[in-house]
Protein backbone atom coordinates (compact mmCIF):
# COMPACT_ATOMS: atom_id res chain seq x y z
CA MET A 1 -7.14 -9.54 15.12
CA ALA A 2 -5.27 -6.33 16.41
CA LEU A 3 -8.59 -4.96 17.78
CA ASP A 4 -8.62 -7.44 20.78
CA GLY A 5 -10.41 -7.27 24.05
CA ILE A 6 -7.80 -4.97 26.00
CA PHE A 7 -7.78 -2.57 23.22
CA LEU A 8 -11.42 -2.38 23.32
CA ASN A 9 -11.12 -1.60 27.02
CA CYS A 10 -8.83 1.32 26.10
CA ILE A 11 -11.62 2.54 23.94
CA LYS A 12 -14.27 1.97 26.63
CA ASN A 13 -12.24 4.16 28.77
CA GLU A 14 -11.68 6.84 26.10
CA LEU A 15 -15.58 6.81 25.58
CA ASN A 16 -16.55 7.34 29.14
CA PHE A 17 -16.70 11.02 28.82
CA LEU A 18 -19.84 10.47 26.55
CA ILE A 19 -21.79 8.89 29.30
CA GLY A 20 -24.61 11.63 30.20
CA GLY A 21 -24.75 12.98 26.54
CA ARG A 22 -27.86 12.64 24.26
CA VAL A 23 -28.47 10.98 20.94
CA ASP A 24 -28.55 13.52 18.52
CA LYS A 25 -28.52 11.54 15.27
CA ILE A 26 -28.42 8.22 13.80
CA THR A 27 -27.35 7.31 10.49
CA GLN A 28 -26.39 4.04 8.50
CA PRO A 29 -23.85 5.11 5.81
CA SER A 30 -23.42 1.42 4.73
CA ARG A 31 -25.03 -1.96 5.27
CA GLU A 32 -22.83 -2.81 8.14
CA GLU A 33 -22.05 0.53 9.59
CA ILE A 34 -24.12 2.84 12.10
CA ILE A 35 -23.02 6.31 13.24
CA ILE A 36 -24.47 7.82 16.23
CA ALA A 37 -23.96 11.54 17.01
CA ILE A 38 -23.89 12.05 20.85
CA ARG A 39 -24.42 15.73 22.09
CA THR A 40 -22.43 16.47 25.44
CA ARG A 41 -21.62 19.68 27.13
CA GLY A 42 -18.41 20.01 25.22
CA GLY A 43 -19.95 19.64 21.84
CA THR A 44 -21.24 16.56 19.52
CA GLU A 45 -19.30 13.61 18.93
CA LYS A 46 -19.77 10.86 16.21
CA LEU A 47 -19.73 7.23 17.31
CA LEU A 48 -19.01 4.93 14.69
CA PHE A 49 -20.08 1.18 15.08
CA SER A 50 -18.84 -1.37 12.38
CA ALA A 51 -19.84 -4.94 12.00
CA SER A 52 -17.87 -5.54 8.98
CA ALA A 53 -15.91 -8.70 9.00
CA GLY A 54 -12.74 -7.15 7.96
CA SER A 55 -13.01 -3.99 9.96
CA ALA A 56 -15.56 -4.59 12.94
CA ARG A 57 -14.93 -1.64 15.49
CA VAL A 58 -16.32 1.02 17.72
CA HIS A 59 -14.59 4.38 18.10
CA ILE A 60 -15.08 8.13 17.79
CA THR A 61 -14.65 9.18 14.16
CA ASN A 62 -14.15 12.46 12.29
CA ALA A 63 -14.50 11.00 8.86
CA GLN A 64 -17.29 12.59 6.55
CA VAL A 65 -19.53 9.82 5.05
CA GLU A 66 -22.29 10.04 2.56
CA ASN A 67 -25.57 8.64 3.71
CA PRO A 68 -28.28 6.91 1.77
CA LYS A 69 -31.22 8.86 0.69
CA VAL A 70 -33.61 6.38 2.35
CA PRO A 71 -32.55 5.13 5.85
CA PRO A 72 -32.43 1.33 6.12
CA MET A 73 -34.62 -0.49 8.34
CA PHE A 74 -32.40 -1.13 11.05
CA CYS A 75 -31.41 2.72 11.23
CA MET A 76 -34.98 3.49 11.33
CA LEU A 77 -35.57 0.98 14.20
CA MET A 78 -32.47 2.59 16.09
CA ARG A 79 -34.06 5.77 15.73
CA LYS A 80 -37.34 4.55 17.15
CA HIS A 81 -35.79 3.07 20.24
CA ILE A 82 -32.79 5.16 21.22
CA GLY A 83 -33.41 8.39 19.02
CA ASN A 84 -32.87 11.21 21.87
CA GLY A 85 -32.03 8.82 24.51
CA ARG A 86 -29.27 9.49 27.08
CA LEU A 87 -26.24 7.48 27.42
CA ILE A 88 -26.07 6.13 30.85
CA ASN A 89 -23.36 3.48 30.94
CA ILE A 90 -20.68 1.80 28.81
CA ARG A 91 -19.78 -1.89 29.81
CA GLN A 92 -17.33 -4.64 29.15
CA ASP A 93 -17.47 -8.10 30.50
CA GLY A 94 -13.79 -8.53 31.64
CA ALA A 95 -11.70 -8.41 28.31
CA GLU A 96 -14.46 -9.83 26.01
CA ARG A 97 -14.68 -8.11 22.60
CA ILE A 98 -17.93 -6.73 23.26
CA LEU A 99 -18.81 -3.19 24.35
CA PHE A 100 -22.63 -2.41 25.79
CA PHE A 101 -23.89 1.01 25.59
CA ASP A 102 -26.96 1.42 27.90
CA PHE A 103 -29.25 4.30 27.06
CA GLU A 104 -32.19 5.62 29.03
CA THR A 105 -35.00 6.64 26.85
CA VAL A 106 -38.76 6.73 26.97
CA ASN A 107 -40.97 4.09 25.08
CA GLU A 108 -44.06 4.67 23.13
CA LEU A 109 -46.28 4.32 26.50
CA GLY A 110 -44.32 7.04 28.01
CA ASP A 111 -42.41 4.94 30.53
CA MET A 112 -38.54 5.26 31.08
CA VAL A 113 -36.56 2.10 29.78
CA LYS A 114 -33.22 1.08 29.38
CA ILE A 115 -32.25 0.01 25.85
CA THR A 116 -28.74 -1.59 25.37
CA LEU A 117 -26.72 -1.59 22.25
CA ALA A 118 -24.11 -4.32 21.97
CA SER A 119 -21.07 -3.85 19.75
CA GLU A 120 -19.56 -7.34 19.02
CA ILE A 121 -16.23 -7.28 17.71
CA MET A 122 -15.53 -10.79 16.81
CA GLY A 123 -14.15 -10.89 13.12
CA ARG A 124 -16.73 -12.59 10.58
CA CYS A 125 -19.06 -13.17 13.74
CA SER A 126 -19.34 -9.31 14.49
CA ASN A 127 -22.60 -7.55 14.99
CA ILE A 128 -24.47 -4.67 16.44
CA VAL A 129 -27.57 -5.95 18.39
CA LEU A 130 -30.29 -3.88 20.19
CA ILE A 131 -31.59 -5.30 23.36
CA ASN A 132 -34.50 -4.28 25.45
CA GLN A 133 -34.44 -3.90 29.35
CA ASP A 134 -35.83 -7.65 29.60
CA GLY A 135 -32.66 -9.02 27.65
CA LYS A 136 -34.67 -9.55 24.52
CA ILE A 137 -33.27 -8.99 21.31
CA ILE A 138 -34.90 -6.26 19.44
CA ASP A 139 -33.08 -6.71 16.32
CA SER A 140 -29.55 -6.71 14.83
CA ILE A 141 -27.75 -5.41 11.73
CA LYS A 142 -27.00 -8.87 10.99
CA ARG A 143 -29.41 -11.35 11.72
CA VAL A 144 -28.18 -14.78 12.69
CA ASP A 145 -30.55 -17.89 12.33
CA THR A 146 -30.29 -21.67 13.30
CA ASP A 147 -28.60 -22.63 10.10
CA MET A 148 -25.82 -20.21 10.43
CA SER A 149 -25.29 -20.82 14.14
CA ARG A 150 -26.85 -23.42 16.27
CA GLU A 151 -25.08 -22.43 19.33
CA ARG A 152 -25.75 -18.79 19.33
CA PRO A 153 -28.66 -17.42 16.96
CA ILE A 154 -29.46 -13.78 17.17
CA LEU A 155 -32.87 -12.97 16.13
CA PRO A 156 -35.57 -10.61 17.18
CA GLY A 157 -37.49 -11.82 20.25
CA MET A 158 -34.90 -14.20 21.46
CA THR A 159 -32.98 -13.73 24.58
CA TYR A 160 -29.67 -12.10 24.29
CA VAL A 161 -26.92 -14.53 25.51
CA MET A 162 -23.12 -13.97 25.71
CA PRO A 163 -20.92 -15.99 23.29
CA PRO A 164 -18.99 -19.10 24.65
CA ARG A 165 -16.21 -18.08 26.92
CA SER A 166 -13.27 -20.10 27.94
CA GLN A 167 -11.36 -19.60 31.13
CA ARG A 168 -8.20 -17.55 30.58
CA LEU A 169 -5.75 -15.71 32.56
CA ASP A 170 -6.24 -11.75 33.42
CA ILE A 171 -3.15 -9.99 32.95
CA HIS A 172 -4.21 -7.57 35.85
CA THR A 173 -4.43 -10.47 38.40
CA CYS A 174 -2.27 -13.27 37.25
CA THR A 175 0.90 -14.25 38.89
CA LYS A 176 4.05 -16.04 37.32
CA GLU A 177 2.98 -19.35 38.71
CA ASP A 178 -0.45 -18.98 37.02
CA ILE A 179 1.35 -18.35 33.86
CA VAL A 180 3.60 -21.25 34.26
CA SER A 181 0.74 -23.50 35.22
CA ALA A 182 -1.54 -22.36 32.29
CA LEU A 183 1.37 -22.92 29.58
CA SER A 184 1.88 -26.52 31.21
CA LEU A 185 -1.58 -27.32 30.16
CA ILE A 186 -1.42 -26.87 26.50
CA PRO A 187 0.36 -28.69 23.74
CA ASP A 188 4.01 -27.58 22.71
CA CYS A 189 3.58 -24.93 19.84
CA ASP A 190 5.01 -21.63 19.31
CA ALA A 191 5.40 -19.43 22.53
CA ALA A 192 3.39 -16.57 21.12
CA LYS A 193 0.51 -18.61 20.12
CA ALA A 194 0.60 -20.23 23.54
CA LEU A 195 0.15 -16.88 25.15
CA VAL A 196 -2.88 -16.24 22.99
CA LYS A 197 -4.26 -19.22 24.18
CA ILE A 198 -3.95 -18.74 27.82
CA PHE A 199 -4.41 -14.83 28.09
CA GLU A 200 -7.81 -13.30 27.78
CA GLY A 201 -8.17 -10.37 25.41
CA ILE A 202 -4.78 -10.26 23.64
CA SER A 203 -3.89 -10.31 20.16
CA PRO A 204 -1.03 -12.08 18.20
CA ILE A 205 0.96 -8.92 17.87
CA ILE A 206 0.89 -8.30 21.73
CA ALA A 207 1.78 -11.96 22.41
CA ARG A 208 4.84 -11.71 19.84
CA GLU A 209 5.99 -8.29 21.33
CA TRP A 210 6.01 -10.00 24.93
CA ILE A 211 7.92 -13.04 23.65
CA PHE A 212 10.19 -10.83 21.60
CA TYR A 213 11.28 -8.89 24.78
CA ALA A 214 11.30 -12.25 27.11
CA ALA A 215 13.39 -14.05 24.71
CA ASN A 216 15.74 -11.20 23.68
CA GLY A 217 14.53 -10.98 20.00
CA GLU A 218 14.06 -14.67 19.59
CA ALA A 219 11.01 -16.57 18.77
CA PRO A 220 10.96 -19.94 20.98
CA LYS A 221 8.55 -22.55 21.36
CA LYS A 222 6.78 -23.09 24.47
CA SER A 223 8.94 -25.74 25.65
CA GLU A 224 12.10 -23.79 25.08
CA LEU A 225 11.14 -20.90 27.49
CA THR A 226 13.70 -20.97 30.24
CA GLU A 227 13.10 -19.87 33.74
CA ALA A 228 14.87 -16.45 32.89
CA MET A 229 12.66 -16.04 30.00
CA LEU A 230 9.68 -16.75 32.07
CA HIS A 231 10.61 -14.07 34.75
CA ARG A 232 11.07 -11.44 31.82
CA LEU A 233 7.83 -12.50 30.41
CA TYR A 234 5.92 -11.88 33.64
CA PHE A 235 7.74 -8.46 34.09
CA ILE A 236 6.40 -7.42 30.93
CA VAL A 237 3.02 -8.82 31.18
CA SER A 238 2.90 -6.99 34.76
CA LEU A 239 4.28 -3.78 33.16
CA THR A 240 1.47 -3.69 30.49
CA ALA A 241 -1.20 -4.07 32.94
CA GLU A 242 0.31 -1.34 35.18
CA HIS A 243 0.28 0.93 31.74
CA LEU A 244 -3.45 0.05 31.05
CA ILE A 245 -4.32 0.94 34.78
CA THR A 246 -2.34 4.27 34.81
CA GLY A 247 -3.40 5.10 31.24
CA LYS A 248 0.07 5.31 30.07
CA ILE A 249 -0.85 3.32 26.65
CA SER A 250 1.20 4.07 23.50
CA CYS A 251 -1.13 3.43 20.61
CA THR A 252 0.98 2.52 17.48
CA VAL A 253 0.47 1.85 13.98
CA ILE A 254 2.98 -0.59 12.25
CA LYS A 255 3.28 0.29 8.50
CA GLU A 256 5.23 -1.48 5.70
CA LYS A 257 8.10 0.35 4.12
CA ASP A 258 5.94 1.04 0.94
CA GLY A 259 3.38 2.89 3.22
CA SER A 260 0.72 0.16 3.57
CA LEU A 261 -0.69 -0.43 6.80
CA LYS A 262 0.34 -3.53 8.35
CA ASP A 263 -0.97 -3.46 12.07
CA PHE A 264 -1.76 -1.65 15.23
CA ALA A 265 -1.25 -1.93 19.19
CA PHE A 266 -1.59 -0.27 22.44
CA ILE A 267 2.01 -0.62 23.23
CA PRO A 268 5.31 0.16 21.45
CA ILE A 269 6.13 -2.35 18.72
CA TYR A 270 9.67 -3.60 18.40
CA GLN A 271 9.51 -6.93 16.90
CA TYR A 272 9.96 -5.87 13.17
CA GLY A 273 12.96 -3.98 13.75
CA ASP A 274 13.81 -1.80 10.41
CA LEU A 275 11.40 -4.05 8.15
CA MET A 276 8.56 -1.75 9.33
CA THR A 277 7.86 1.91 10.50
CA THR A 278 5.64 3.07 13.02
CA LYS A 279 3.27 5.96 13.79
CA SER A 280 2.28 6.88 17.23
CA PHE A 281 -1.06 8.38 18.46
CA ASP A 282 -2.40 9.94 21.46
CA SER A 283 -5.70 8.00 21.67
CA ALA A 284 -6.90 4.58 20.62
CA CYS A 285 -9.98 6.21 19.00
CA THR A 286 -7.58 8.56 16.87
CA LEU A 287 -5.56 5.69 15.83
CA LEU A 288 -8.55 3.44 14.77
CA ASP A 289 -9.92 6.37 12.81
CA TYR A 290 -6.85 6.85 11.06
CA PHE A 291 -6.17 3.17 10.30
CA TYR A 292 -9.37 2.09 8.99
CA SER A 293 -9.91 5.52 7.21
CA GLU A 294 -6.69 5.16 5.42
CA ARG A 295 -7.18 1.42 4.72
CA ASP A 296 -10.52 2.05 3.20
CA SER A 297 -9.45 4.90 1.02
CA ILE A 298 -6.50 2.70 -0.22
CA SER A 299 -9.04 -0.05 -0.85
CA ARG A 300 -11.29 2.36 -2.74
CA MET A 301 -8.54 3.87 -4.92
CA LYS A 302 -7.49 0.44 -5.63
CA GLN A 303 -11.08 -0.51 -6.98
CA ARG A 304 -11.26 2.83 -9.00
CA SER A 305 -7.97 2.53 -10.58
CA GLN A 306 -8.20 -1.24 -11.22
CA ASP A 307 -8.87 -0.65 -15.07
CA LEU A 308 -5.49 1.35 -15.34
CA TYR A 309 -3.65 -1.16 -13.38
CA LYS A 310 -4.83 -3.81 -15.64
CA LEU A 311 -3.98 -1.73 -18.82
CA LEU A 312 -0.59 -0.90 -17.72
CA LEU A 313 0.12 -4.47 -16.94
CA ASN A 314 -0.99 -5.75 -20.35
CA THR A 315 0.61 -2.94 -21.93
CA THR A 316 3.95 -3.64 -20.14
CA ASP A 317 3.55 -7.41 -21.15
CA ARG A 318 2.67 -6.67 -24.71
CA ILE A 319 5.81 -4.27 -25.37
CA ALA A 320 8.18 -6.57 -23.43
CA ARG A 321 7.26 -9.42 -25.77
CA ARG A 322 7.20 -7.11 -28.75
CA THR A 323 10.92 -6.02 -27.65
CA GLU A 324 12.12 -9.37 -26.97
CA ALA A 325 11.10 -10.61 -30.36
CA GLN A 326 12.73 -7.88 -31.93
CA ARG A 327 15.98 -8.67 -30.13
CA GLU A 328 15.80 -12.13 -31.38
CA GLU A 329 15.48 -10.75 -34.96
CA LEU A 330 18.51 -8.58 -34.30
CA LYS A 331 20.55 -11.58 -33.40
CA ALA A 332 19.96 -12.90 -36.84
CA THR A 333 21.19 -9.76 -38.56
CA GLN A 334 24.47 -10.35 -37.15
CA SER A 335 25.46 -12.56 -40.07
CA ARG A 336 25.24 -9.81 -42.76
CA ASP A 337 28.72 -9.40 -43.28
CA GLU A 338 28.94 -13.14 -44.14
CA TYR A 339 26.27 -12.10 -47.00
CA LYS A 340 28.57 -9.39 -48.31
CA LEU A 341 31.74 -11.65 -48.00
CA LYS A 342 30.07 -14.18 -50.16
CA GLY A 343 28.90 -11.85 -52.58
CA ASP A 344 32.37 -10.36 -52.89
CA LEU A 345 33.87 -13.71 -53.33
CA ILE A 346 31.32 -14.82 -56.08
CA SER A 347 32.04 -11.48 -57.76
CA ALA A 348 35.81 -12.27 -57.67
CA ASN A 349 35.20 -15.76 -59.08
CA LEU A 350 32.31 -15.18 -61.72
CA TYR A 351 34.35 -16.65 -64.54
CA ARG A 352 34.65 -20.00 -62.53
CA ILE A 353 30.90 -20.24 -62.07
CA GLU A 354 28.29 -21.66 -64.31
CA LYS A 355 24.48 -21.68 -63.97
CA GLY A 356 23.24 -24.83 -62.48
CA MET A 357 25.88 -25.21 -60.10
CA GLY A 358 24.89 -25.91 -56.44
CA GLU A 359 28.08 -24.60 -54.63
CA ILE A 360 31.39 -23.57 -55.29
CA GLU A 361 34.53 -23.57 -53.23
CA VAL A 362 36.97 -20.62 -53.62
CA GLU A 363 39.77 -19.04 -51.74
CA ASN A 364 38.92 -16.37 -49.00
CA TYR A 365 41.09 -13.49 -50.14
CA PHE A 366 39.94 -11.64 -47.11
CA ASP A 367 41.37 -14.17 -44.80
CA GLU A 368 45.53 -13.67 -44.06
CA ASN A 369 45.96 -17.68 -44.70
CA CYS A 370 43.22 -17.58 -47.79
CA GLN A 371 41.54 -20.56 -46.30
CA PRO A 372 39.00 -22.14 -48.92
CA ILE A 373 35.45 -21.30 -48.32
CA LYS A 374 32.12 -23.23 -49.68
CA ILE A 375 29.54 -20.90 -50.98
CA GLN A 376 25.99 -22.27 -51.71
CA LEU A 377 24.62 -21.43 -54.93
CA ASP A 378 21.03 -21.35 -56.31
CA ARG A 379 20.95 -23.69 -59.41
CA ARG A 380 18.10 -21.53 -61.00
CA LEU A 381 20.03 -18.24 -60.91
CA THR A 382 23.01 -17.20 -63.05
CA PRO A 383 26.27 -16.46 -61.42
CA SER A 384 25.56 -12.46 -61.31
CA GLN A 385 22.13 -13.54 -59.91
CA ASN A 386 23.67 -15.38 -57.31
CA MET A 387 25.78 -12.50 -56.40
CA GLN A 388 23.16 -9.96 -56.25
CA LYS A 389 21.08 -12.27 -54.21
CA TYR A 390 23.96 -12.24 -51.49
CA TYR A 391 24.21 -8.38 -51.47
CA SER A 392 20.53 -7.97 -51.47
CA GLU A 393 20.53 -10.25 -48.21
CA TYR A 394 23.40 -8.12 -46.73
CA ARG A 395 21.54 -4.90 -47.51
CA LYS A 396 18.28 -6.23 -45.85
CA ALA A 397 19.89 -7.38 -42.83
CA ASP A 398 21.95 -4.10 -42.57
CA THR A 399 18.61 -2.11 -42.86
CA ALA A 400 17.01 -4.61 -40.43
CA GLU A 401 19.65 -3.88 -37.84
CA LYS A 402 19.33 -0.22 -37.88
CA VAL A 403 15.56 -0.46 -37.75
CA LEU A 404 15.33 -3.07 -35.04
CA THR A 405 18.01 -1.15 -32.72
CA ALA A 406 15.72 1.88 -33.05
CA ARG A 407 12.51 -0.18 -32.49
CA ILE A 408 14.05 -1.80 -29.36
CA LYS A 409 15.14 1.54 -27.89
CA GLN A 410 11.74 2.75 -28.48
CA GLY A 411 10.24 -0.17 -26.81
CA GLU A 412 12.57 0.19 -23.64
CA GLU A 413 11.78 3.81 -23.48
CA GLU A 414 8.12 2.91 -23.41
CA LEU A 415 8.55 0.15 -20.87
CA ALA A 416 10.37 2.97 -18.75
CA TYR A 417 7.41 5.42 -19.41
CA ILE A 418 4.59 2.77 -18.56
CA ASP A 419 6.72 1.69 -15.34
CA SER A 420 6.83 5.65 -14.36
CA VAL A 421 3.11 5.89 -14.84
CA PHE A 422 2.47 2.59 -12.74
CA ASP A 423 4.60 3.97 -9.81
CA ALA A 424 2.43 7.17 -10.06
CA LEU A 425 -0.65 5.25 -9.91
CA THR A 426 0.44 3.46 -6.78
CA ARG A 427 0.91 6.74 -5.04
CA THR A 428 -2.31 8.34 -6.07
CA SER A 429 -4.52 9.18 -3.09
CA SER A 430 -7.72 10.73 -4.65
CA GLU A 431 -9.69 10.15 -7.68
CA ASP A 432 -8.70 13.52 -9.36
CA GLU A 433 -5.13 12.20 -9.48
CA VAL A 434 -6.04 8.85 -11.19
CA ASN A 435 -8.32 10.78 -13.74
CA GLU A 436 -5.20 12.91 -14.38
CA LEU A 437 -3.17 9.80 -15.10
CA ARG A 438 -5.77 8.80 -17.39
CA MET A 439 -5.71 11.99 -19.25
CA GLU A 440 -1.94 11.66 -19.59
CA LEU A 441 -2.20 8.00 -21.18
CA SER A 442 -5.00 9.25 -23.24
CA GLY A 443 -2.63 11.96 -24.84
CA GLN A 444 0.18 9.49 -25.52
CA GLY A 445 -2.44 7.17 -27.36
CA TYR A 446 -2.56 4.38 -24.85
CA ILE A 447 -6.20 4.83 -24.32
CA LYS A 448 -9.05 6.46 -26.07
CA ALA A 449 -9.85 10.15 -24.88
CA VAL A 450 -11.35 10.57 -21.62
CA ARG A 451 -14.55 11.82 -21.18
CA LEU A 452 -14.95 12.68 -17.76
CA LYS A 453 -18.51 13.67 -16.12
CA GLY A 454 -18.82 17.32 -14.94
CA LYS A 455 -16.00 19.69 -14.71
CA GLN A 456 -12.68 18.34 -15.84
CA PRO A 457 -10.17 17.83 -12.82
CA LYS A 458 -7.96 20.77 -11.91
CA MET A 459 -4.46 19.74 -11.60
CA ARG A 460 -3.49 19.26 -8.13
CA PRO A 461 -0.46 21.33 -7.01
CA PRO A 462 3.26 19.77 -6.47
CA LEU A 463 3.64 18.14 -3.20
CA GLU A 464 5.34 20.52 -0.76
CA PHE A 465 7.43 20.14 2.33
CA VAL A 466 9.99 22.27 4.33
CA SER A 467 13.52 21.02 4.94
CA PRO A 468 14.80 21.33 8.59
CA ASP A 469 16.80 24.29 7.32
CA GLY A 470 13.59 25.91 6.02
CA TYR A 471 13.90 25.29 2.23
CA THR A 472 10.92 24.74 0.37
CA VAL A 473 11.08 21.10 -1.46
CA LEU A 474 8.46 20.46 -4.20
CA ILE A 475 7.68 17.03 -5.49
CA GLY A 476 5.64 16.12 -8.77
CA ARG A 477 2.55 13.96 -8.72
CA ASN A 478 2.79 12.43 -12.13
CA ASN A 479 4.91 12.67 -15.32
CA VAL A 480 3.03 15.66 -16.84
CA GLN A 481 3.59 17.64 -13.31
CA ASN A 482 7.34 16.47 -13.32
CA ASP A 483 7.71 18.28 -16.77
CA LEU A 484 5.84 21.25 -15.58
CA LEU A 485 8.00 21.38 -12.26
CA THR A 486 11.21 20.91 -13.89
CA THR A 487 10.90 22.78 -17.27
CA LYS A 488 8.45 25.71 -16.30
CA LEU A 489 8.33 26.34 -12.62
CA ALA A 490 11.85 25.71 -11.29
CA ASP A 491 14.45 28.44 -11.37
CA LYS A 492 17.86 28.03 -12.97
CA THR A 493 19.54 28.21 -9.42
CA ASP A 494 17.05 25.58 -8.16
CA VAL A 495 18.24 22.03 -7.27
CA TRP A 496 16.73 18.92 -9.10
CA LEU A 497 16.81 15.39 -7.58
CA HIS A 498 15.63 11.89 -9.10
CA THR A 499 16.33 8.29 -8.11
CA LYS A 500 19.04 6.83 -10.34
CA ASN A 501 17.74 4.77 -13.04
CA ILE A 502 14.47 4.28 -10.91
CA PRO A 503 11.07 5.31 -11.94
CA GLY A 504 9.92 8.18 -9.47
CA SER A 505 8.86 11.77 -8.97
CA HIS A 506 10.91 14.93 -9.91
CA VAL A 507 12.14 16.91 -6.77
CA ILE A 508 13.01 20.58 -6.70
CA ILE A 509 14.66 22.36 -3.88
CA ARG A 510 13.90 26.04 -4.00
CA THR A 511 17.03 27.75 -3.31
CA ASN A 512 15.86 31.33 -3.71
CA GLY A 513 19.31 32.18 -5.56
CA ASN A 514 21.42 30.89 -2.68
CA PRO A 515 24.15 28.84 -4.37
CA ASP A 516 25.16 27.32 -0.90
CA ILE A 517 22.46 24.84 0.08
CA PRO A 518 23.05 23.01 3.36
CA ASP A 519 23.81 19.36 3.02
CA ASP A 520 21.20 18.41 5.52
CA THR A 521 18.59 19.91 3.06
CA ILE A 522 19.97 18.09 0.01
CA LEU A 523 19.80 14.86 2.37
CA TYR A 524 16.32 15.47 3.32
CA ALA A 525 15.18 16.21 -0.41
CA ALA A 526 17.04 13.00 -1.56
CA ARG A 527 15.39 10.73 1.08
CA LEU A 528 11.75 12.29 -0.03
CA ALA A 529 12.99 11.54 -3.57
CA ALA A 530 13.60 8.01 -2.83
CA TYR A 531 10.37 7.70 -0.85
CA HIS A 532 8.26 9.10 -3.77
CA SER A 533 9.77 6.52 -6.12
CA LYS A 534 9.49 2.85 -6.99
CA ALA A 535 12.30 2.16 -4.48
CA LYS A 536 10.27 3.48 -1.53
CA ALA A 537 10.63 0.03 0.23
CA SER A 538 14.54 -0.43 -0.24
CA SER A 539 17.36 0.95 1.50
CA GLN A 540 20.52 2.69 0.05
CA VAL A 541 18.67 4.05 -2.77
CA PRO A 542 20.84 6.08 -5.11
CA VAL A 543 19.61 9.56 -5.82
CA ASP A 544 21.11 11.86 -8.39
CA TYR A 545 21.14 15.65 -7.92
CA VAL A 546 22.06 18.58 -9.97
CA ASN A 547 21.79 22.11 -10.50
CA ILE A 548 18.50 22.66 -12.76
CA LYS A 549 20.36 24.45 -15.59
CA TYR A 550 22.05 21.10 -16.26
CA VAL A 551 18.73 19.56 -16.74
CA ARG A 552 16.96 19.61 -20.28
CA LYS A 553 14.06 17.67 -22.09
CA PRO A 554 14.79 16.17 -25.30
CA SER A 555 12.76 17.07 -28.05
CA GLY A 556 9.70 14.68 -28.71
CA ALA A 557 10.34 12.76 -25.27
CA LYS A 558 7.77 11.33 -23.41
CA PRO A 559 6.60 12.89 -20.28
CA GLY A 560 8.84 12.86 -17.37
CA LYS A 561 11.89 12.00 -19.39
CA VAL A 562 14.74 14.39 -19.08
CA ILE A 563 18.70 14.30 -19.56
CA PHE A 564 21.20 15.83 -17.31
CA THR A 565 24.80 16.23 -16.77
CA ASN A 566 27.17 17.28 -14.00
CA ASN A 567 25.33 15.21 -11.28
CA LYS A 568 26.13 13.93 -8.17
CA THR A 569 24.80 10.69 -6.41
CA LEU A 570 23.77 10.18 -2.82
CA TYR A 571 22.82 6.91 -1.21
CA VAL A 572 19.99 7.21 1.17
CA THR A 573 17.28 5.49 3.00
CA PRO A 574 13.64 6.63 1.92
CA LEU A 575 11.85 9.07 4.31
CA ASP A 576 8.11 8.97 4.89
CA PRO A 577 7.15 12.40 5.37
CA TYR A 578 3.64 11.42 6.56
CA CYS A 579 4.86 9.67 9.48
CA SER A 580 6.53 11.92 12.13
CA ASP A 581 7.16 9.16 14.53
CA GLU A 582 8.97 6.96 12.06
CA GLU A 583 11.55 4.50 13.65
CA GLU A 584 14.66 3.82 11.43
């Protein structure tokens, strides 16, 4: 996991300023999270402890969380034992993923005692344990009995013991010979995995970055490490240790091209090249607060909009199947001219046909060689009725072609519209934006009328950015807002941008009447348009741009649908405006 022992040490160093502060408030917003507000001379800081398997951590947070009306039992126990206590020390054993917070407090008898809170960051085994001055467990946020762990049960009254710890190298004290010797003792495997096994407190991403540097971008096995590689490996390990001692760490978040969070580290990350983007932070606590708040927000949004995702996927599948069936029917209408030909030939040869005939062979007058052709006849019909039957089939196929062509076009437009709504849904960041999409789909008849509790959500304004040249760039959040932005808010002199044949937001450059917009501003807006589209994870994305006076909305078109002329096209790489430290 990315929150390794060394990253935890960075957190510890940042939290040292809290030593001497007093506990002001203790809350438990969720089953596996505790927040302790510590009052210092500089103000009050909220210290978050999480024992969640997927997001175990400890750091200062600025997030606003809602607490239950009735405090859970563990929260009440914490208030009893360390409420109003004074933080006197923060400890870590080597690079173990456990931080100990020692509090000095007064017990029920009025005696001054030391109570320790252990924050264990160990994946699914993470825990928050309250320990008395005798080393006995008072309680924990997750009790572990002998059925769950025979080696290390955690129950009230038991003596607190450290988890099993293997002998590994310390990056601050190890030598090149120590590294070579430790590597020789383990079976051959991927070199990065070997480093995780021999070093204490490093995560896979750190090990991969070291190997990336040592092997000049390669990913060798342990047995393939040359003397030069080992020398470069020792250099980068020593440099990392030096930066940790001097505090010159570079807290980095790694993001996918689509904006989703990938990982984080305490050093710059180069191993992903152009496949990922990075964002730097001044402190480890700020990084963790951003990373997990953002990830939890994305997770909550996915849960709240899960029904919309399912609806859009089912609607897309239904329309696609219907349109494909209509295309197959359309292929069958291509023989309509053959029906008309046979009707005409029967008409020209009525005198030769008698009722009861099953077929007739006649000359094809429409063929330059007058090749004979056989025509099937219905024995039950008269010659005239056989002729009318072929003409009727022709008219039916001709009408079907027109109807099916119109329906296929309508189906393709529906698919494009649903795709645009799906794209907008992937970029929602609040429940109000999701509700706006529900109301849009309701207005188009895809779902029943939405009845939201409380006040109706007020439409949020378009996203707004400023180009390097000082021009305002507006971006629609959804199709309804795209229409409003393009047809109502934009002036005739403004510039309109949109990804070419790709679902995305409408983008407007406010020109303020200036006809000569700098190329850098157009490029900036085009890159924003590419980012706020379905192609945000691609490169060389085509973006059309044109003066707004050449853009119009067809009568009866679905939200977000416009047509335009006189456009030019740029090919750009999407720009994440929320990541100022993007590496391209």
